[in-house]
Amino acid sequence: MRSVDDLTARARIRDAALERFGADGVAGTSVRAIAAAAGVSPALVLHHFGSKEGLRQACDEHVLAAIRSGSGDGGVIEPGALGEMLNAATPVRRYLGRSLLEGSEAATAMFTEIVDATQRWLADGEEQGWVKPATDARARAVTYVAWLLAPLVLSDQVGRLLGGDVAETETSLRGARAGLEMLTGGLFTDDRWLSAFTAVITKGQGG
């Protein structure tokens, strides 16, 4: 997440905030704690960001920029771009999971943007033939992103059963591989469950 040119005091403060916000949440993190983690004074934090809210907004923008950096023309997320970004940056994974859990306005906007880009990516995949058609493209995109990000929101429970911290690469990759296997090869050997579900929905709609 850092480049050689991104080692300024402002960037160090932002990176420290990503870690502290991701670990303890925005409400549970003080400006003083962020300053200590960054090795600067609280006054310098306020000088650069104005307030803790301003710092949170900078973190949101940084995470969104990381996601967009894996996008192709028109903002369409390329295959694996979001997953690669998450696998490469532990603080970003924790921060994104905590933001989604707390349900901030910024997190809501971030989730929507990820879903929008994913829907375009999947539609492009349909045209190119590497994604199967869906009866509800929007629901497919929402579900796909929800599956991808759910381990971050349910980190304690998922990590407990997978035997590690889901924000760490080894555990994250274990879950991601299982998900890709299901998405690529399928889970069920026939359509009995889909047919049964469709029949229930049709009956409920008076069909």
Protein backbone atom coordinates (compact mmCIF):
# COMPACT_ATOMS: atom_id res chain seq x y z
CA MET A 1 0.00 0.00 0.00
CA ARG A 2 3.01 2.35 0.34
CA SER A 3 5.29 3.60 -2.41
CA VAL A 4 8.75 5.14 -1.96
CA ASP A 5 7.21 8.59 -2.47
CA ASP A 6 4.45 7.94 0.08
CA LEU A 7 6.57 8.04 3.24
CA THR A 8 5.53 11.51 4.36
CA ALA A 9 4.31 12.31 7.86
CA ARG A 10 0.77 12.57 6.48
CA ALA A 11 1.00 9.09 4.97
CA ARG A 12 2.47 7.65 8.18
CA ILE A 13 -0.40 9.11 10.16
CA ARG A 14 -2.94 7.74 7.70
CA ASP A 15 -1.36 4.28 7.77
CA ALA A 16 -1.32 4.30 11.56
CA ALA A 17 -4.99 5.32 11.56
CA LEU A 18 -5.84 2.46 9.18
CA GLU A 19 -4.34 0.02 11.65
CA ARG A 20 -5.86 1.55 14.78
CA PHE A 21 -9.32 2.12 13.25
CA GLY A 22 -9.26 -1.42 11.88
CA ALA A 23 -8.33 -2.90 15.24
CA ASP A 24 -10.42 -0.79 17.63
CA GLY A 25 -12.95 1.07 15.47
CA VAL A 26 -13.20 4.82 15.01
CA ALA A 27 -15.04 5.40 18.30
CA GLY A 28 -12.51 3.32 20.22
CA THR A 29 -9.45 5.08 18.82
CA SER A 30 -8.13 8.43 20.02
CA VAL A 31 -6.09 10.97 18.10
CA ARG A 32 -3.41 10.55 20.74
CA ALA A 33 -3.22 6.78 20.08
CA ILE A 34 -2.87 7.36 16.34
CA ALA A 35 -0.18 9.97 16.91
CA ALA A 36 1.77 7.58 19.14
CA ALA A 37 1.53 4.79 16.55
CA ALA A 38 2.75 7.16 13.82
CA GLY A 39 5.53 8.60 15.97
CA VAL A 40 4.23 12.16 15.75
CA SER A 41 2.46 14.62 18.02
CA PRO A 42 -1.36 14.85 18.28
CA ALA A 43 -1.04 18.43 17.10
CA LEU A 44 0.54 17.26 13.84
CA VAL A 45 -2.34 14.83 13.28
CA LEU A 46 -4.82 17.69 13.63
CA HIS A 47 -2.64 19.93 11.46
CA HIS A 48 -2.80 17.47 8.56
CA PHE A 49 -6.38 16.21 8.92
CA GLY A 50 -8.26 18.74 11.04
CA SER A 51 -10.03 16.14 13.18
CA LYS A 52 -10.44 12.43 13.72
CA GLU A 53 -13.35 12.51 11.26
CA GLY A 54 -11.12 14.11 8.66
CA LEU A 55 -8.58 11.36 9.22
CA ARG A 56 -11.26 8.71 8.82
CA GLN A 57 -12.30 10.28 5.53
CA ALA A 58 -8.69 10.17 4.34
CA CYS A 59 -8.57 6.47 5.21
CA ASP A 60 -11.78 5.86 3.24
CA GLU A 61 -10.33 7.67 0.23
CA HIS A 62 -7.10 5.67 0.48
CA VAL A 63 -8.95 2.34 0.52
CA LEU A 64 -11.15 3.36 -2.41
CA ALA A 65 -8.08 4.47 -4.37
CA ALA A 66 -6.50 1.06 -3.74
CA ILE A 67 -9.61 -0.67 -5.07
CA ARG A 68 -9.82 1.62 -8.10
CA SER A 69 -6.15 1.04 -8.90
CA GLY A 70 -7.10 -2.51 -9.91
CA SER A 71 -9.78 -1.29 -12.29
CA GLY A 72 -9.65 -1.23 -16.04
CA ASP A 73 -11.20 1.26 -18.43
CA GLY A 74 -14.48 2.66 -17.19
CA GLY A 75 -13.75 1.61 -13.60
CA VAL A 76 -14.50 -2.07 -14.21
CA ILE A 77 -12.72 -4.25 -11.67
CA GLU A 78 -10.44 -6.69 -13.43
CA PRO A 79 -10.47 -10.40 -12.48
CA GLY A 80 -9.18 -10.77 -8.94
CA ALA A 81 -8.36 -7.07 -8.50
CA LEU A 82 -10.29 -6.57 -5.29
CA GLY A 83 -9.14 -9.92 -3.92
CA GLU A 84 -5.51 -9.14 -4.76
CA MET A 85 -5.75 -5.77 -3.03
CA LEU A 86 -7.23 -7.36 0.08
CA ASN A 87 -4.66 -10.15 0.14
CA ALA A 88 -1.79 -7.68 -0.20
CA ALA A 89 -2.71 -5.29 2.60
CA THR A 90 -3.62 -6.55 6.06
CA PRO A 91 -4.44 -3.10 7.55
CA VAL A 92 -6.78 -2.38 4.64
CA ARG A 93 -8.62 -5.67 5.16
CA ARG A 94 -9.13 -4.93 8.84
CA TYR A 95 -10.16 -1.35 8.18
CA LEU A 96 -12.65 -2.29 5.48
CA GLY A 97 -14.17 -5.01 7.65
CA ARG A 98 -14.54 -2.69 10.63
CA SER A 99 -16.04 0.09 8.47
CA LEU A 100 -18.63 -2.27 7.02
CA LEU A 101 -19.46 -3.59 10.47
CA GLU A 102 -19.93 -0.10 11.90
CA GLY A 103 -22.08 0.85 8.90
CA SER A 104 -20.78 4.36 8.39
CA GLU A 105 -22.02 6.51 5.54
CA ALA A 106 -18.63 6.24 3.87
CA ALA A 107 -18.64 2.44 4.19
CA THR A 108 -22.09 2.33 2.60
CA ALA A 109 -20.89 4.42 -0.33
CA MET A 110 -17.77 2.27 -0.62
CA PHE A 111 -19.76 -0.97 -0.69
CA THR A 112 -22.10 0.44 -3.34
CA GLU A 113 -19.20 1.51 -5.54
CA ILE A 114 -17.60 -1.93 -5.27
CA VAL A 115 -20.91 -3.58 -6.21
CA ASP A 116 -21.44 -1.21 -9.15
CA ALA A 117 -17.96 -1.92 -10.51
CA THR A 118 -18.38 -5.65 -9.96
CA GLN A 119 -21.70 -5.65 -11.81
CA ARG A 120 -20.01 -4.03 -14.80
CA TRP A 121 -17.14 -6.52 -14.61
CA LEU A 122 -19.52 -9.50 -14.56
CA ALA A 123 -21.56 -8.06 -17.43
CA ASP A 124 -18.35 -7.69 -19.41
CA GLY A 125 -17.55 -11.31 -18.55
CA GLU A 126 -20.91 -12.40 -19.94
CA GLU A 127 -20.15 -10.68 -23.23
CA GLN A 128 -16.72 -12.31 -23.40
CA GLY A 129 -18.09 -15.72 -22.46
CA TRP A 130 -16.26 -16.40 -19.18
CA VAL A 131 -19.25 -15.58 -16.93
CA LYS A 132 -22.57 -17.43 -17.12
CA PRO A 133 -25.76 -15.36 -17.63
CA ALA A 134 -27.79 -14.50 -14.54
CA THR A 135 -31.52 -13.98 -14.09
CA ASP A 136 -30.83 -11.03 -11.76
CA ALA A 137 -27.54 -9.29 -12.53
CA ARG A 138 -27.81 -6.80 -9.66
CA ALA A 139 -28.49 -9.48 -7.05
CA ARG A 140 -25.60 -11.53 -8.43
CA ALA A 141 -23.19 -8.61 -8.04
CA VAL A 142 -24.38 -7.81 -4.51
CA THR A 143 -24.10 -11.46 -3.47
CA TYR A 144 -20.67 -11.87 -5.06
CA VAL A 145 -19.26 -8.87 -3.19
CA ALA A 146 -21.01 -9.90 0.04
CA TRP A 147 -19.41 -13.35 -0.18
CA LEU A 148 -16.01 -11.81 -0.83
CA LEU A 149 -16.18 -9.38 2.09
CA ALA A 150 -18.17 -11.44 4.60
CA PRO A 151 -15.05 -13.01 6.20
CA LEU A 152 -13.86 -9.51 7.12
CA VAL A 153 -17.12 -8.65 8.86
CA LEU A 154 -17.36 -12.08 10.53
CA SER A 155 -13.64 -12.17 11.16
CA ASP A 156 -13.73 -13.62 14.67
CA GLN A 157 -16.07 -16.49 13.77
CA VAL A 158 -14.49 -17.28 10.40
CA GLY A 159 -10.97 -17.07 11.80
CA ARG A 160 -11.88 -19.36 14.71
CA LEU A 161 -13.02 -22.11 12.35
CA LEU A 162 -10.31 -21.64 9.73
CA GLY A 163 -7.62 -21.57 12.38
CA GLY A 164 -6.20 -18.09 11.93
CA ASP A 165 -6.76 -14.36 11.58
CA VAL A 166 -8.73 -13.70 8.37
CA ALA A 167 -6.84 -10.44 7.96
CA GLU A 168 -3.65 -12.46 7.54
CA THR A 169 -2.76 -13.75 4.09
CA GLU A 170 -2.62 -17.50 4.80
CA THR A 171 -6.11 -17.70 6.29
CA SER A 172 -7.53 -15.27 3.74
CA LEU A 173 -6.19 -17.33 0.84
CA ARG A 174 -7.61 -20.55 2.31
CA GLY A 175 -11.11 -19.09 2.36
CA ALA A 176 -10.69 -17.41 -1.01
CA ARG A 177 -9.65 -20.68 -2.69
CA ALA A 178 -12.69 -22.49 -1.31
CA GLY A 179 -14.92 -19.72 -2.62
CA LEU A 180 -13.34 -19.75 -6.08
CA GLU A 181 -13.68 -23.52 -6.29
CA MET A 182 -17.42 -23.22 -5.62
CA LEU A 183 -17.86 -20.34 -8.04
CA THR A 184 -15.86 -22.05 -10.78
CA GLY A 185 -16.89 -25.68 -10.46
CA GLY A 186 -20.20 -25.30 -8.68
CA LEU A 187 -21.31 -26.88 -5.41
CA PHE A 188 -24.31 -29.06 -6.26
CA THR A 189 -24.27 -31.85 -8.80
CA ASP A 190 -27.80 -31.16 -10.05
CA ASP A 191 -30.50 -28.47 -9.93
CA ARG A 192 -32.82 -30.01 -7.31
CA TRP A 193 -32.32 -27.19 -4.78
CA LEU A 194 -32.68 -24.42 -7.35
CA SER A 195 -35.80 -26.07 -8.77
CA ALA A 196 -37.31 -26.49 -5.30
CA PHE A 197 -36.55 -22.89 -4.39
CA THR A 198 -37.95 -21.61 -7.66
CA ALA A 199 -41.13 -23.61 -7.12
CA VAL A 200 -41.60 -22.11 -3.64
CA ILE A 201 -41.04 -18.57 -4.92
CA THR A 202 -43.40 -19.08 -7.84
CA LYS A 203 -46.11 -20.45 -5.53
CA GLY A 204 -45.64 -17.52 -3.14
CA GLN A 205 -46.09 -15.08 -6.01
CA GLY A 206 -49.32 -16.77 -7.02
CA GLY A 207 -47.83 -18.38 -10.07
